[in-house]
Amino acid sequence: MIGATKAGLKRAAGLLVAEYRINWIYAGSTADGGEPADTVQPVDKAVCEQLARSPTLQMRKAAAYANSGLAGLALIDGGVPVCVAHFATPAQYQRTGTWPLASGEAALMDIATEDAQRGKGYAVRLIRQATTHFRAAGHDRLIAFIWWSNQPSIRAFTKAGWRRIGISVELRRADRWRALRIGL
């Protein structure tokens, strides 16, 4: 009965809204890197080549962010990237409907961990190191938008010292997006 009700509600919502995005917005402005910085390196051509050979789809997709010009950092273990993240400056950022960036901010656009390496704290380490790195590069604050039900990401950002600053709800109907952003 519950499954049928849920399916019916989804069908009804689909008639009203073609697509939706609900994201928690997290921000990091200070961090203690915690781990030695030599385990983190910028994503360069060699790292991109390693990402392209990864058995994990999200890691292979991450190379596209670097190839589009976004700054990336990779956490290296045993000579191979085990976690990677890419960031956009306000000039590169195209998700202003989700959450606008102010001058001096950067947005974490993607973070991925090798499937076989999940649960080892690599994402938390990389988020902390990235915060330290981008603060040193002159950014006042980093933001990330996290799908509302992505508990592993929410836990990683919380453990890394980031805090929830808002929620963004975007709805699309007939090729037009509408956004509701609420700061917390």
Foldseek 3Di string as FASTA:
>chain_A
DVVVVVVVVVVVVCVVFVDKFKWFKKKDQAFDLPDDCVQKDKDDPVLLVLQCPAPDPQSVVVSVLVVVPWIKMFGHDPRHGFKMWTKAAQVRDDVVLFPHDDHLEIETPDMDGRPVCPPVLPLLSVVRSVSVVSVVVRRRMYMYIHGPPPVVVVVSCVSNPIDGFWMKMWTDDPRDIHIDIDTD
